[in-house]
């Protein structure tokens, strides 16, 4: 049997052409994490055995934080690595193809409706503006954790609700996350901006953006009282201009399209002071 012909990348290239970029699980990275996980597990067991052998008392708090936690972290790392074995992501001009152990799911850029990120901290989103002064690109930097790989992740969903998850165990994870956000931003941004210009409310999960301000559950925050959005410890925090308590705190991984949210909040906040430019009218050829 021709091994090259059975290679998933070769099969995909034969059907779709050569991808622009290929992201796959890094074997050296997997080996490093595998041995690190085993070291955490057996190191904790060894310490417990020594303490029992020497008849030393074990404080419950010390056992939970110092001895039990490394075993939990190591075990979780092993489970995550097992689930993500064989993962590959191929990037094409028209979209993204996720391959894993014989399963292939395609995500054309124009059909992706949701991009969700699990990220622990974002000091500031990267926003690029075009000549018209509008955001042309926006993305949230996201790094792969060295050990706690479950603290990061990328989820994609199509219009037909087909979904897929990409683990940070994949090589060049930060570059892939940036690429996905850049490729999906133009269409998702255009839709969100047009709805805002039409006076509609744009929902990002439990957080809603409108020309008047933000809404979360039954609470409303006018733009004049809004200060900033922050991501810290995996939470999206909305801060008010006055007071030190956050106005709202959400799990950032539950907020769809956070790259569009940050850009829309920036534009809507500025528009509260300076009216936004009207939507360009469609020409006869576009109608």
Protein backbone atom coordinates (compact mmCIF):
# COMPACT_ATOMS: atom_id res chain seq x y z
CA UNK A 1 0.00 0.00 0.00
CA UNK A 2 1.30 3.44 -0.91
CA UNK A 3 1.88 5.22 2.41
CA UNK A 4 2.07 8.62 0.73
CA UNK A 5 -1.31 8.08 -0.90
CA UNK A 6 -2.80 7.19 2.48
CA UNK A 7 -1.41 10.31 4.13
CA UNK A 8 -4.38 12.58 4.98
CA UNK A 9 -2.59 15.68 3.75
CA UNK A 10 -1.82 14.00 0.43
CA UNK A 11 -5.42 12.85 0.09
CA UNK A 12 -6.71 16.34 0.81
CA UNK A 13 -4.20 17.90 -1.60
CA UNK A 14 -5.32 15.47 -4.29
CA UNK A 15 -8.94 16.50 -3.85
CA UNK A 16 -8.61 20.21 -3.05
CA UNK A 17 -5.12 21.19 -4.11
CA UNK A 18 -2.14 22.13 -2.01
CA UNK A 19 -3.09 24.01 1.17
CA UNK A 20 -1.64 27.42 1.92
CA UNK A 21 -0.61 26.23 5.37
CA UNK A 22 -0.64 23.01 7.35
CA UNK A 23 -0.91 22.83 11.14
CA UNK A 24 -0.48 19.54 12.94
CA UNK A 25 0.23 18.09 16.35
CA UNK A 26 3.93 18.52 17.06
CA UNK A 27 5.45 15.15 17.99
CA UNK A 28 8.29 16.68 20.05
CA UNK A 29 5.74 18.82 21.86
CA UNK A 30 3.52 15.78 22.50
CA UNK A 31 6.48 13.78 23.85
CA UNK A 32 7.50 16.63 26.13
CA UNK A 33 3.98 17.02 27.50
CA UNK A 34 3.57 13.25 27.84
CA UNK A 35 6.68 12.83 29.97
CA UNK A 36 5.85 15.98 31.93
CA UNK A 37 2.41 14.56 32.73
CA UNK A 38 3.89 11.24 33.84
CA UNK A 39 6.46 13.10 35.94
CA UNK A 40 3.72 15.05 37.71
CA UNK A 41 1.68 11.93 38.42
CA UNK A 42 4.46 9.63 39.59
CA UNK A 43 6.28 12.45 41.40
CA UNK A 44 3.18 13.08 43.51
CA UNK A 45 2.72 9.37 44.17
CA UNK A 46 6.36 9.08 45.22
CA UNK A 47 6.05 11.97 47.69
CA UNK A 48 2.91 10.42 49.20
CA UNK A 49 4.63 7.03 49.50
CA UNK A 50 7.66 8.55 51.21
CA UNK A 51 5.49 10.48 53.66
CA UNK A 52 3.51 7.36 54.53
CA UNK A 53 6.69 5.27 54.84
CA UNK A 54 8.19 7.78 57.26
CA UNK A 55 4.87 7.99 59.10
CA UNK A 56 4.65 11.74 58.53
CA UNK A 57 1.33 13.46 59.02
CA UNK A 58 -0.26 14.87 55.87
CA UNK A 59 -2.18 18.10 56.22
CA UNK A 60 -5.36 18.08 54.12
CA UNK A 61 -4.64 21.51 52.58
CA UNK A 62 -1.07 20.52 51.68
CA UNK A 63 -2.29 17.21 50.25
CA UNK A 64 -4.86 18.96 48.04
CA UNK A 65 -2.63 21.78 46.79
CA UNK A 66 0.83 20.24 46.65
CA UNK A 67 0.23 16.52 46.14
CA UNK A 68 -3.22 16.02 44.62
CA UNK A 69 -3.14 18.97 42.19
CA UNK A 70 -0.06 17.75 40.22
CA UNK A 71 -1.76 14.37 39.76
CA UNK A 72 -4.93 16.05 38.46
CA UNK A 73 -2.95 18.29 36.11
CA UNK A 74 -0.90 15.35 34.82
CA UNK A 75 -3.97 13.15 34.30
CA UNK A 76 -5.84 15.94 32.48
CA UNK A 77 -2.84 16.53 30.22
CA UNK A 78 -2.77 12.83 29.26
CA UNK A 79 -6.51 12.75 28.50
CA UNK A 80 -6.26 15.94 26.39
CA UNK A 81 -3.28 14.62 24.43
CA UNK A 82 -5.06 11.32 23.78
CA UNK A 83 -8.18 13.03 22.47
CA UNK A 84 -6.18 15.28 20.13
CA UNK A 85 -3.91 12.63 18.61
CA UNK A 86 -3.69 12.82 14.82
CA UNK A 87 -5.16 16.33 14.63
CA UNK A 88 -4.36 18.37 11.51
CA UNK A 89 -5.68 21.67 10.17
CA UNK A 90 -5.24 22.61 6.53
CA UNK A 91 -5.79 26.23 5.51
CA UNK A 92 -7.00 27.11 1.99
CA UNK A 93 -7.91 30.47 0.44
CA UNK A 94 -11.58 29.44 0.63
CA UNK A 95 -11.59 27.95 4.11
CA UNK A 96 -10.22 25.54 6.67
CA UNK A 97 -10.19 21.74 6.75
CA UNK A 98 -9.94 19.90 10.09
CA UNK A 99 -8.64 16.33 9.87
CA UNK A 100 -8.40 13.80 12.68
CA UNK A 101 -8.12 10.03 12.48
CA UNK A 102 -10.03 9.68 9.23
CA UNK A 103 -12.64 12.37 9.94
CA UNK A 104 -12.65 15.54 7.87
CA UNK A 105 -14.78 18.64 8.45
CA UNK A 106 -14.59 21.70 6.20
CA UNK A 107 -15.23 25.27 7.28
CA UNK A 108 -15.48 27.69 4.34
CA UNK A 109 -14.69 31.20 5.59
CA UNK A 110 -18.04 32.53 4.33
CA UNK A 111 -19.98 29.82 6.19
CA UNK A 112 -18.39 30.25 9.61
CA UNK A 113 -20.91 31.95 11.91
CA UNK A 114 -19.10 31.58 15.23
CA UNK A 115 -15.50 31.71 16.38
CA UNK A 116 -15.00 31.12 20.09
CA UNK A 117 -11.77 31.31 22.04
CA UNK A 118 -10.67 30.15 25.43
CA UNK A 119 -7.90 32.54 26.39
CA UNK A 120 -6.64 33.45 29.84
CA UNK A 121 -5.52 37.03 29.26
CA UNK A 122 -5.69 39.69 26.57
CA UNK A 123 -3.94 42.95 27.35
CA UNK A 124 -5.38 44.57 24.23
CA UNK A 125 -6.89 43.27 20.97
CA UNK A 126 -5.01 43.98 17.75
CA UNK A 127 -7.14 46.30 15.60
CA UNK A 128 -6.17 47.51 12.13
CA UNK A 129 -8.06 50.37 10.48
CA UNK A 130 -8.58 50.95 6.79
CA UNK A 131 -8.33 54.22 4.90
CA UNK A 132 -12.00 54.91 5.65
CA UNK A 133 -11.25 54.81 9.37
CA UNK A 134 -13.18 51.58 9.92
CA UNK A 135 -11.69 48.38 11.38
CA UNK A 136 -10.34 46.19 8.60
CA UNK A 137 -8.95 43.50 10.91
CA UNK A 138 -9.21 42.61 14.59
CA UNK A 139 -7.90 39.64 16.52
CA UNK A 140 -7.24 38.56 20.09
CA UNK A 141 -3.72 37.20 20.66
CA UNK A 142 -3.83 33.69 22.14
CA UNK A 143 -0.87 31.61 23.28
CA UNK A 144 -0.68 27.87 23.91
CA UNK A 145 -0.14 27.09 27.62
CA UNK A 146 3.00 25.13 28.44
CA UNK A 147 1.21 22.69 30.74
CA UNK A 148 -2.50 23.42 31.29
CA UNK A 149 -3.56 22.89 27.67
CA UNK A 150 -7.24 22.89 28.68
CA UNK A 151 -6.95 26.61 29.49
CA UNK A 152 -6.91 27.49 25.78
CA UNK A 153 -8.84 26.38 22.74
CA UNK A 154 -10.47 27.38 19.46
CA UNK A 155 -14.03 26.46 18.44
CA UNK A 156 -15.61 26.96 15.01
CA UNK A 157 -19.25 26.65 13.99
CA UNK A 158 -20.86 26.76 10.55
CA UNK A 159 -24.27 28.09 9.59
CA UNK A 160 -25.62 24.51 9.62
CA UNK A 161 -24.38 24.17 13.25
CA UNK A 162 -21.53 21.79 12.36
CA UNK A 163 -18.79 22.50 14.91
CA UNK A 164 -15.19 21.59 15.63
CA UNK A 165 -12.59 22.19 18.32
CA UNK A 166 -8.88 22.83 17.82
CA UNK A 167 -6.57 22.12 20.75
CA UNK A 168 -3.57 24.32 21.67
CA UNK A 169 -1.51 21.11 21.48
CA UNK A 170 -1.24 21.81 17.75
CA UNK A 171 2.01 23.39 16.56
CA UNK A 172 1.91 27.16 15.89
CA UNK A 173 -1.44 27.38 17.65
CA UNK A 174 -1.12 31.14 18.23
CA UNK A 175 -0.55 31.74 14.51
CA UNK A 176 -3.53 29.57 13.56
CA UNK A 177 -5.84 31.43 15.98
CA UNK A 178 -4.72 34.76 14.52
CA UNK A 179 -5.21 33.51 10.95
CA UNK A 180 -8.76 32.23 11.66
CA UNK A 181 -9.78 35.54 13.22
CA UNK A 182 -8.31 37.57 10.34
CA UNK A 183 -10.00 35.42 7.67
CA UNK A 184 -13.42 35.44 9.36
CA UNK A 185 -13.45 39.08 10.46
CA UNK A 186 -14.44 40.90 7.21
CA UNK A 187 -17.78 39.16 6.66
CA UNK A 188 -18.75 38.87 10.33
CA UNK A 189 -17.80 42.52 10.88
CA UNK A 190 -19.79 43.75 7.89
CA UNK A 191 -22.92 41.96 9.13
CA UNK A 192 -22.55 43.24 12.71
CA UNK A 193 -21.81 46.82 11.64
CA UNK A 194 -24.75 46.95 9.23
CA UNK A 195 -27.13 45.74 11.90
CA UNK A 196 -25.82 48.31 14.34
CA UNK A 197 -26.23 51.08 11.73
CA UNK A 198 -29.82 49.94 11.21
CA UNK A 199 -30.42 50.51 14.91
CA UNK A 200 -30.56 46.80 15.74
CA UNK A 201 -29.07 44.99 18.72
CA UNK A 202 -26.16 42.65 17.98
CA UNK A 203 -25.91 39.68 20.37
CA UNK A 204 -22.65 38.08 21.47
CA UNK A 205 -24.04 35.35 23.65
CA UNK A 206 -25.41 36.94 26.82
CA UNK A 207 -23.87 40.31 25.98
CA UNK A 208 -25.69 42.62 23.56
CA UNK A 209 -24.40 45.68 21.75
CA UNK A 210 -26.73 48.45 20.56
CA UNK A 211 -26.35 52.08 19.46
CA UNK A 212 -27.42 53.07 22.99
CA UNK A 213 -24.96 50.89 24.89
CA UNK A 214 -24.53 47.38 26.30
CA UNK A 215 -27.06 45.00 27.78
CA UNK A 216 -26.43 41.93 29.94
CA UNK A 217 -29.40 40.02 31.35
CA UNK A 218 -31.62 42.81 32.71
CA UNK A 219 -28.83 45.37 33.10
CA UNK A 220 -28.10 48.21 30.69
CA UNK A 221 -24.95 50.32 30.39
CA UNK A 222 -24.97 53.51 28.31
CA UNK A 223 -21.87 54.29 26.26
CA UNK A 224 -21.21 57.42 28.31
CA UNK A 225 -20.84 55.18 31.40
CA UNK A 226 -18.75 52.50 29.67
CA UNK A 227 -14.99 52.29 30.31
CA UNK A 228 -13.46 49.16 28.71
CA UNK A 229 -13.50 45.45 27.96
CA UNK A 230 -10.85 43.22 29.52
CA UNK A 231 -9.95 39.54 29.39
CA UNK A 232 -8.24 38.15 32.50
CA UNK A 233 -8.21 34.67 34.04
CA UNK A 234 -10.44 33.40 31.25
CA UNK A 235 -13.16 35.97 31.96
CA UNK A 236 -14.46 38.81 29.81
CA UNK A 237 -14.99 41.78 32.11
CA UNK A 238 -17.00 44.89 31.30
CA UNK A 239 -15.91 47.88 33.37
CA UNK A 240 -17.83 51.07 34.09
CA UNK A 241 -16.35 54.56 33.98
CA UNK A 242 -17.13 54.99 37.68
CA UNK A 243 -16.63 52.60 40.57
CA UNK A 244 -14.22 49.70 40.90
CA UNK A 245 -16.64 46.76 40.68
CA UNK A 246 -17.08 45.24 37.18
CA UNK A 247 -20.43 45.81 35.51
CA UNK A 248 -20.47 42.27 34.05
CA UNK A 249 -18.21 39.21 34.04
CA UNK A 250 -18.62 36.44 31.46
CA UNK A 251 -16.76 33.27 30.52
CA UNK A 252 -14.86 34.43 27.42
CA UNK A 253 -15.12 30.97 25.83
CA UNK A 254 -18.94 31.36 25.79
CA UNK A 255 -18.80 34.66 23.89
CA UNK A 256 -19.07 34.11 20.12
CA UNK A 257 -16.86 36.17 17.81
CA UNK A 258 -14.96 38.14 20.46
CA UNK A 259 -12.76 39.68 17.75
CA UNK A 260 -15.87 41.28 16.22
CA UNK A 261 -17.19 42.26 19.67
CA UNK A 262 -14.08 44.28 20.56
CA UNK A 263 -14.11 46.10 17.23
CA UNK A 264 -17.86 46.81 17.38
CA UNK A 265 -17.66 48.14 20.93
CA UNK A 266 -14.82 50.46 19.89
CA UNK A 267 -16.80 51.80 16.92
CA UNK A 268 -20.11 52.07 18.80
CA UNK A 269 -18.45 53.88 21.71
CA UNK A 270 -16.85 56.38 19.33
CA UNK A 271 -20.12 56.75 17.43
CA UNK A 272 -21.88 57.78 20.63
CA UNK A 273 -19.72 60.91 20.45
CA UNK A 274 -19.49 61.22 16.65
CA UNK A 275 -22.30 59.84 14.45
CA UNK A 276 -21.28 56.82 12.37
CA UNK A 277 -21.09 57.18 8.62
CA UNK A 278 -24.22 55.86 6.90
CA UNK A 279 -24.17 52.48 5.23
CA UNK A 280 -23.09 52.74 1.60
CA UNK A 281 -26.08 52.29 -0.71
CA UNK A 282 -26.07 49.35 -3.06
CA UNK A 283 -25.58 50.10 -6.73
CA UNK A 284 -27.93 48.72 -9.39
CA UNK A 285 -25.40 46.02 -10.19
CA UNK A 286 -25.22 44.96 -6.54
CA UNK A 287 -28.96 45.02 -5.92
